[in-house]
Amino acid sequence: MSPRSRLLLAVAAWCLTAVAVVLPLVWLINNRDWGIGLMLLMPFVVYGLLRLGRALEGWARATPPPSRH
C-alpha cells in the first residue's frame, strides 16, 4: 500500500469516526432536556478524537520495514 493511499485511508477513517461519534451527541444535546449534561462529555470526546488522529497519522506515515530479498 502506498504512503499516499495510507494517508487518505487514515483521513477517511478519522472523518467517519468523528461524524459517527459527534453527530449523535450533538443531536442529543440539542433535542433532549438532559442533553446539556452531555456537554461535560464533549472535552473527552474531542481529546479522544485528537488521540485517534495522532495514532492514525503515525500509522499512515510509518515506513515499512525493508524487504529481505
C-alpha atoms as a PDB file:
ATOM      1  CA  MET A   1       0.000   0.000   0.000  1.00  0.00           C
ATOM      2  CA  SER A   2       1.462   3.353  -0.985  1.00  0.00           C
ATOM      3  CA  PRO A   3       2.028   6.062   1.641  1.00  0.00           C
ATOM      4  CA  ARG A   4      -0.464   8.365  -0.081  1.00  0.00           C
ATOM      5  CA  SER A   5      -3.235   5.770  -0.028  1.00  0.00           C
ATOM      6  CA  ARG A   6      -2.499   5.012   3.644  1.00  0.00           C
ATOM      7  CA  LEU A   7      -2.790   8.718   4.441  1.00  0.00           C
ATOM      8  CA  LEU A   8      -6.075   9.022   2.554  1.00  0.00           C
ATOM      9  CA  LEU A   9      -7.409   5.921   4.312  1.00  0.00           C
ATOM     10  CA  ALA A  10      -6.398   7.340   7.699  1.00  0.00           C
ATOM     11  CA  VAL A  11      -8.116  10.664   6.983  1.00  0.00           C
ATOM     12  CA  ALA A  12     -11.264   8.906   5.783  1.00  0.00           C
ATOM     13  CA  ALA A  13     -11.323   6.649   8.859  1.00  0.00           C
ATOM     14  CA  TRP A  14     -10.925   9.635  11.184  1.00  0.00           C
ATOM     15  CA  CYS A  15     -13.669  11.609   9.427  1.00  0.00           C
ATOM     16  CA  LEU A  16     -16.102   8.702   9.553  1.00  0.00           C
ATOM     17  CA  THR A  17     -15.342   8.101  13.228  1.00  0.00           C
ATOM     18  CA  ALA A  18     -15.711  11.790  14.075  1.00  0.00           C
ATOM     19  CA  VAL A  19     -19.082  12.021  12.346  1.00  0.00           C
ATOM     20  CA  ALA A  20     -20.290   8.755  13.897  1.00  0.00           C
ATOM     21  CA  VAL A  21     -19.376   9.935  17.406  1.00  0.00           C
ATOM     22  CA  VAL A  22     -20.099  13.672  17.314  1.00  0.00           C
ATOM     23  CA  LEU A  23     -23.335  13.699  15.321  1.00  0.00           C
ATOM     24  CA  PRO A  24     -25.399  11.630  17.804  1.00  0.00           C
ATOM     25  CA  LEU A  25     -24.007  13.614  20.726  1.00  0.00           C
ATOM     26  CA  VAL A  26     -24.880  16.924  19.083  1.00  0.00           C
ATOM     27  CA  TRP A  27     -28.363  15.660  18.288  1.00  0.00           C
ATOM     28  CA  LEU A  28     -28.916  14.540  21.883  1.00  0.00           C
ATOM     29  CA  ILE A  29     -27.602  17.832  23.276  1.00  0.00           C
ATOM     30  CA  ASN A  30     -29.942  19.756  21.008  1.00  0.00           C
ATOM     31  CA  ASN A  31     -33.106  17.658  21.366  1.00  0.00           C
ATOM     32  CA  ARG A  32     -33.194  16.308  24.924  1.00  0.00           C
ATOM     33  CA  ASP A  33     -33.703  18.219  28.149  1.00  0.00           C
ATOM     34  CA  TRP A  34     -30.942  16.215  29.813  1.00  0.00           C
ATOM     35  CA  GLY A  35     -28.707  16.616  26.765  1.00  0.00           C
ATOM     36  CA  ILE A  36     -26.982  19.664  28.214  1.00  0.00           C
ATOM     37  CA  GLY A  37     -25.350  17.286  30.690  1.00  0.00           C
ATOM     38  CA  LEU A  38     -23.573  15.682  27.739  1.00  0.00           C
ATOM     39  CA  MET A  39     -21.635  18.915  27.305  1.00  0.00           C
ATOM     40  CA  LEU A  40     -19.472  17.664  30.154  1.00  0.00           C
ATOM     41  CA  LEU A  41     -18.570  14.679  27.985  1.00  0.00           C
ATOM     42  CA  MET A  42     -17.551  16.685  24.914  1.00  0.00           C
ATOM     43  CA  PRO A  43     -13.995  17.633  26.003  1.00  0.00           C
ATOM     44  CA  PHE A  44     -13.220  13.936  26.478  1.00  0.00           C
ATOM     45  CA  VAL A  45     -14.696  13.123  23.059  1.00  0.00           C
ATOM     46  CA  VAL A  46     -12.587  15.826  21.409  1.00  0.00           C
ATOM     47  CA  TYR A  47      -9.478  14.609  23.246  1.00  0.00           C
ATOM     48  CA  GLY A  48     -10.189  11.049  22.091  1.00  0.00           C
ATOM     49  CA  LEU A  49     -10.584  12.204  18.501  1.00  0.00           C
ATOM     50  CA  LEU A  50      -7.281  14.080  18.710  1.00  0.00           C
ATOM     51  CA  ARG A  51      -5.543  10.976  20.052  1.00  0.00           C
ATOM     52  CA  LEU A  52      -7.119   8.858  17.316  1.00  0.00           C
ATOM     53  CA  GLY A  53      -5.924  11.345  14.690  1.00  0.00           C
ATOM     54  CA  ARG A  54      -2.359  11.184  16.004  1.00  0.00           C
ATOM     55  CA  ALA A  55      -2.420   7.394  16.062  1.00  0.00           C
ATOM     56  CA  LEU A  56      -3.770   7.224  12.523  1.00  0.00           C
ATOM     57  CA  GLU A  57      -1.175   9.722  11.335  1.00  0.00           C
ATOM     58  CA  GLY A  58       1.563   7.600  12.877  1.00  0.00           C
ATOM     59  CA  TRP A  59       0.164   4.542  11.129  1.00  0.00           C
ATOM     60  CA  ALA A  60      -0.116   6.358   7.791  1.00  0.00           C
ATOM     61  CA  ARG A  61       3.387   7.815   7.912  1.00  0.00           C
ATOM     62  CA  ALA A  62       5.134   4.676   9.203  1.00  0.00           C
ATOM     63  CA  THR A  63       7.802   3.413   6.885  1.00  0.00           C
ATOM     64  CA  PRO A  64       7.531  -0.253   6.023  1.00  0.00           C
ATOM     65  CA  PRO A  65      10.410  -2.475   7.147  1.00  0.00           C
ATOM     66  CA  PRO A  66      12.998  -3.185   4.457  1.00  0.00           C
ATOM     67  CA  SER A  67      12.284  -6.268   2.431  1.00  0.00           C
ATOM     68  CA  ARG A  68      14.702  -9.175   2.615  1.00  0.00           C
ATOM     69  CA  HIS A  69      15.373 -10.308  -0.923  1.00  0.00           C
END
